[in-house]
Protein backbone atom coordinates (compact mmCIF):
# COMPACT_ATOMS: atom_id res chain seq x y z
CA MET A 1 -23.29 13.05 -11.43
CA VAL A 2 -23.51 16.87 -12.14
CA ALA A 3 -21.38 19.51 -11.14
CA GLN A 4 -23.40 22.94 -10.47
CA PRO A 5 -21.75 25.94 -11.68
CA GLN A 6 -20.66 28.29 -8.84
CA THR A 7 -17.74 30.51 -8.38
CA THR A 8 -14.34 28.72 -7.55
CA GLN A 9 -13.21 28.43 -4.22
CA ALA A 10 -10.21 26.96 -2.37
CA PRO A 11 -11.00 24.00 -0.88
CA ALA A 12 -11.28 24.15 2.96
CA ALA A 13 -8.79 20.94 3.29
CA ARG A 14 -6.42 20.71 0.98
CA ILE A 15 -4.41 17.37 0.10
CA ARG A 16 -0.67 17.18 0.54
CA VAL A 17 2.11 14.97 0.38
CA SER A 18 4.61 15.14 3.35
CA ASP A 19 8.39 15.61 3.28
CA GLU A 20 9.33 12.38 4.82
CA VAL A 21 7.30 10.27 2.01
CA LEU A 22 8.94 12.61 -0.71
CA GLU A 23 12.15 11.92 0.73
CA ARG A 24 11.91 8.05 0.73
CA PHE A 25 10.00 8.46 -2.49
CA PRO A 26 11.54 11.50 -4.50
CA SER A 27 10.31 10.34 -8.00
CA PHE A 28 6.57 10.34 -6.50
CA ARG A 29 4.20 12.70 -7.65
CA LEU A 30 0.35 13.09 -6.89
CA ARG A 31 -2.01 14.88 -8.96
CA VAL A 32 -5.52 16.16 -7.54
CA LEU A 33 -8.47 16.93 -8.92
CA TYR A 34 -11.10 19.01 -6.80
CA ALA A 35 -14.72 18.99 -7.66
CA PHE A 36 -17.41 21.20 -5.85
CA GLY A 37 -21.14 21.20 -6.12
CA ILE A 38 -21.47 17.35 -7.28
CA ARG A 39 -24.89 15.87 -7.23
CA ASN A 40 -23.68 12.42 -6.39
CA ARG A 41 -26.08 9.31 -6.91
CA PRO A 42 -26.21 5.50 -6.48
CA SER A 43 -24.79 3.31 -8.71
CA ASP A 44 -26.86 2.28 -11.52
CA ALA A 45 -26.68 1.22 -14.95
CA THR A 46 -24.67 3.43 -16.48
CA SER A 47 -22.10 3.52 -13.92
CA ARG A 48 -21.95 -0.14 -13.68
CA GLU A 49 -21.14 -0.15 -17.48
CA TRP A 50 -18.23 2.45 -16.79
CA LEU A 51 -16.60 -0.19 -14.39
CA ARG A 52 -17.37 -3.08 -17.30
CA GLU A 53 -15.14 -1.20 -19.92
CA GLY A 54 -12.72 -0.18 -17.53
CA ALA A 55 -12.36 -3.77 -16.64
CA SER A 56 -12.30 -4.40 -20.37
CA ARG A 57 -9.39 -2.04 -20.79
CA GLY A 58 -7.63 -3.09 -17.84
CA LEU A 59 -7.41 -6.82 -18.92
CA ALA A 60 -6.11 -5.60 -22.35
CA ALA A 61 -3.70 -3.75 -20.86
CA LEU A 62 -2.27 -6.84 -19.11
CA GLY A 63 -2.12 -8.56 -22.14
CA GLY A 64 -1.92 -12.16 -20.64
CA MET A 65 0.62 -10.80 -17.86
CA ARG A 66 -0.23 -11.54 -14.41
CA PRO A 67 -1.50 -8.35 -12.64
CA GLY A 68 1.72 -8.08 -10.59
CA GLU A 69 3.45 -8.27 -13.44
CA HIS A 70 2.51 -5.05 -15.52
CA PRO A 71 4.87 -2.64 -14.90
CA HIS A 72 2.46 0.28 -13.22
CA VAL A 73 1.71 -2.70 -10.95
CA LYS A 74 5.06 -3.76 -10.02
CA LEU A 75 6.28 -0.41 -9.23
CA TRP A 76 3.67 -0.24 -6.35
CA ARG A 77 5.16 -3.91 -5.27
CA ASP A 78 8.25 -2.63 -4.76
CA ALA A 79 6.84 0.72 -2.81
CA TYR A 80 5.06 -1.57 -0.32
CA SER A 81 7.98 -3.89 -0.11
CA ALA A 82 9.89 -0.48 0.89
CA PHE A 83 7.79 0.26 3.65
CA GLY A 84 7.39 -3.21 5.19
CA ALA A 85 4.09 -4.05 3.40
CA LYS A 86 4.08 -7.53 1.63
CA PRO A 87 2.66 -6.92 -1.74
CA SER A 88 1.13 -10.34 -2.39
CA ALA A 89 -0.78 -9.87 1.09
CA TYR A 90 -1.68 -6.43 0.59
CA PRO A 91 -2.04 -5.55 -2.85
CA CYS A 92 -2.38 -1.84 -3.83
CA SER A 93 -5.89 -0.25 -4.97
CA ALA A 94 -5.40 -1.05 -8.75
CA GLU A 95 -3.92 -4.48 -8.30
CA ALA A 96 -6.58 -5.41 -5.98
CA LEU A 97 -9.39 -4.47 -8.58
CA ILE A 98 -7.91 -5.95 -11.81
CA GLN A 99 -7.06 -9.03 -9.68
CA ARG A 100 -11.08 -9.43 -9.02
CA VAL A 101 -11.52 -8.83 -13.18
CA VAL A 102 -8.72 -11.74 -14.01
CA LYS A 103 -10.44 -14.02 -11.59
CA ARG A 104 -14.16 -13.56 -11.64
CA GLY A 105 -15.00 -11.56 -15.13
CA ALA A 106 -15.81 -7.93 -16.28
CA ASP A 107 -18.71 -7.63 -13.72
CA ALA A 108 -16.87 -8.38 -10.70
CA VAL A 109 -16.23 -4.85 -8.97
CA PRO A 110 -19.37 -3.74 -7.27
CA GLY A 111 -20.84 -0.50 -8.11
CA ILE A 112 -20.46 1.97 -4.99
CA ASN A 113 -21.84 5.55 -6.32
CA TRP A 114 -21.02 7.20 -9.35
CA LEU A 115 -18.27 9.20 -8.13
CA VAL A 116 -16.25 5.59 -6.65
CA ASP A 117 -17.66 3.71 -9.88
CA ALA A 118 -16.26 6.82 -12.59
CA TYR A 119 -12.60 6.48 -11.03
CA ASN A 120 -12.48 2.78 -10.28
CA ALA A 121 -13.17 2.46 -13.98
CA VAL A 122 -10.34 5.14 -15.13
CA SER A 123 -8.17 3.18 -12.30
CA LEU A 124 -9.08 -0.46 -14.03
CA ALA A 125 -8.49 0.84 -17.48
CA HIS A 126 -4.96 2.44 -16.39
CA LEU A 127 -3.85 0.11 -13.74
CA VAL A 128 -2.96 2.97 -11.32
CA PRO A 129 -4.34 3.53 -8.17
CA ILE A 130 -6.87 6.43 -7.51
CA GLY A 131 -8.67 7.51 -4.80
CA GLY A 132 -11.13 9.92 -3.23
CA GLU A 133 -11.54 12.42 -0.35
CA ASP A 134 -14.86 13.84 0.85
CA LEU A 135 -13.51 17.05 1.59
CA ASP A 136 -16.21 17.84 4.29
CA ARG A 137 -15.53 14.99 6.56
CA LEU A 138 -11.67 15.59 6.67
CA VAL A 139 -10.45 17.26 9.96
CA GLY A 140 -7.62 19.65 8.55
CA PRO A 141 -5.72 18.89 5.50
CA GLY A 142 -5.45 15.28 3.83
CA VAL A 143 -1.72 14.38 4.62
CA LEU A 144 0.10 11.59 2.98
CA ARG A 145 2.45 10.50 5.49
CA LEU A 146 4.26 7.77 7.72
CA ALA A 147 2.36 6.49 10.42
CA THR A 148 3.74 6.82 13.83
CA SER A 149 2.64 5.06 17.03
CA LYS A 150 -0.21 7.40 18.03
CA ASP A 151 -1.88 6.23 15.07
CA ALA A 152 -2.84 3.41 16.92
CA ASP A 153 -4.67 5.56 19.80
CA VAL A 154 -7.62 7.02 17.17
CA ASP A 155 -11.18 6.13 17.28
CA THR A 156 -10.71 5.21 13.50
CA ALA A 157 -8.81 2.00 14.10
CA THR A 158 -9.05 -0.77 16.31
CA ALA A 159 -5.98 -2.80 17.66
CA ALA A 160 -5.95 -5.29 14.84
CA ASP A 161 -6.52 -2.76 12.13
CA ALA A 162 -4.04 0.15 13.34
CA PRO A 163 -1.39 1.01 11.03
CA LYS A 164 2.42 0.10 11.85
CA PRO A 165 4.77 2.92 12.42
CA GLY A 166 6.61 3.71 9.55
CA GLU A 167 3.46 2.29 7.00
CA VAL A 168 2.85 4.98 4.21
CA ILE A 169 -0.94 6.15 5.11
CA TRP A 170 -3.40 8.81 4.49
CA ALA A 171 -4.27 11.18 7.36
CA ASP A 172 -5.89 13.99 8.36
CA ASP A 173 -5.98 15.87 11.88
CA VAL A 174 -7.90 13.09 13.63
CA GLY A 175 -6.42 10.07 12.01
CA TRP A 176 -5.86 7.52 9.34
CA THR A 177 -8.06 7.65 6.69
CA CYS A 178 -6.59 5.38 4.31
CA ARG A 179 -4.00 2.55 5.25
CA ARG A 180 -0.87 1.27 3.55
CA TRP A 181 -0.63 4.60 1.15
CA ASN A 182 -3.47 3.13 -1.17
CA TRP A 183 -4.65 -0.41 -0.07
CA ARG A 184 -7.86 0.11 2.44
CA ARG A 185 -9.63 3.40 3.39
CA CYS A 186 -11.52 3.72 7.10
CA PRO A 187 -14.53 2.44 6.53
CA PRO A 188 -16.22 5.37 7.66
CA ARG A 189 -14.71 7.97 6.09
CA GLY A 190 -15.37 7.09 2.45
CA LEU A 191 -17.15 9.35 -0.66
CA THR A 192 -21.15 8.80 -0.19
CA ASP A 193 -24.15 9.23 -2.26
CA ARG A 194 -24.25 12.58 -0.28
CA SER A 195 -20.64 14.09 -1.15
CA PRO A 196 -21.13 17.41 -2.85
CA ARG A 197 -17.20 18.42 -2.39
CA MET A 198 -14.32 16.25 -3.05
CA SER A 199 -11.00 15.45 -4.00
CA VAL A 200 -9.92 12.90 -6.70
CA ASN A 201 -5.99 11.55 -6.35
CA LEU A 202 -4.29 10.43 -9.10
CA GLU A 203 -1.36 8.01 -8.09
CA PRO A 204 0.54 6.97 -11.36
CA ASP A 205 3.54 5.45 -10.01
CA SER A 206 4.93 5.52 -6.63
CA GLY A 207 8.59 7.05 -7.50
C-alpha cells in the first residue's frame, strides 16, 4: 500500500455526522483520516501478519474477559440497545472481529486487502470500530444518520436487509452503505483492491 506524492486536495465526498445522531449521542466524536493516491493490493503474508498481531493485542486487552465485558465494547452495546438493535445478535464491528479470534484463534480474521487488513488490525488491537469508505464510490457525502422508511426502497437493500426506521446507518445520496452504525457494510460498496481515494472512519466510542 503506497501513497503517491500529490498536492493536497479536498475529497469530492466528505464524511459527516448528522445533527440527529449527535443529539441522541452527544458525546460521540468521529475521527476521519483521508488518504489519496493509494495503491492498494490484495491481502498477502504481510497484511495477514498485521491481523495476527492485532488479534494478539486484542486478546491481551481482554485479559480473560468476554468481549462484551470490555469497556470499549460495552459502550457500543449500550448504543446499539439505545436504537433498538439487540447487541448479542448484532455485535459492533470490533466485537465481531475479536469474537472470531476468541473462538478460533489469531488467524480467524480473513484477509481482504491491504487497506482493510490494516484498519482491521488496528480495530482488533484497540477494540474500537474502524471502517473505510471508497470516496469514488460514494454519491454525495457519506453521512451517519438515522434510517427512515425510504431507506427500504433503494437498490442496495433487499426487503430482508433493509434498515429499520430509527436505526443508525451510514448512507450517501443513493442509500445506505453500512447498517446498524458499524455492524455490516452494503456488500457492493466496500473498499476494493482498486480504491485510490478513501476515508478511514475511527469510532473510538459511541458517546
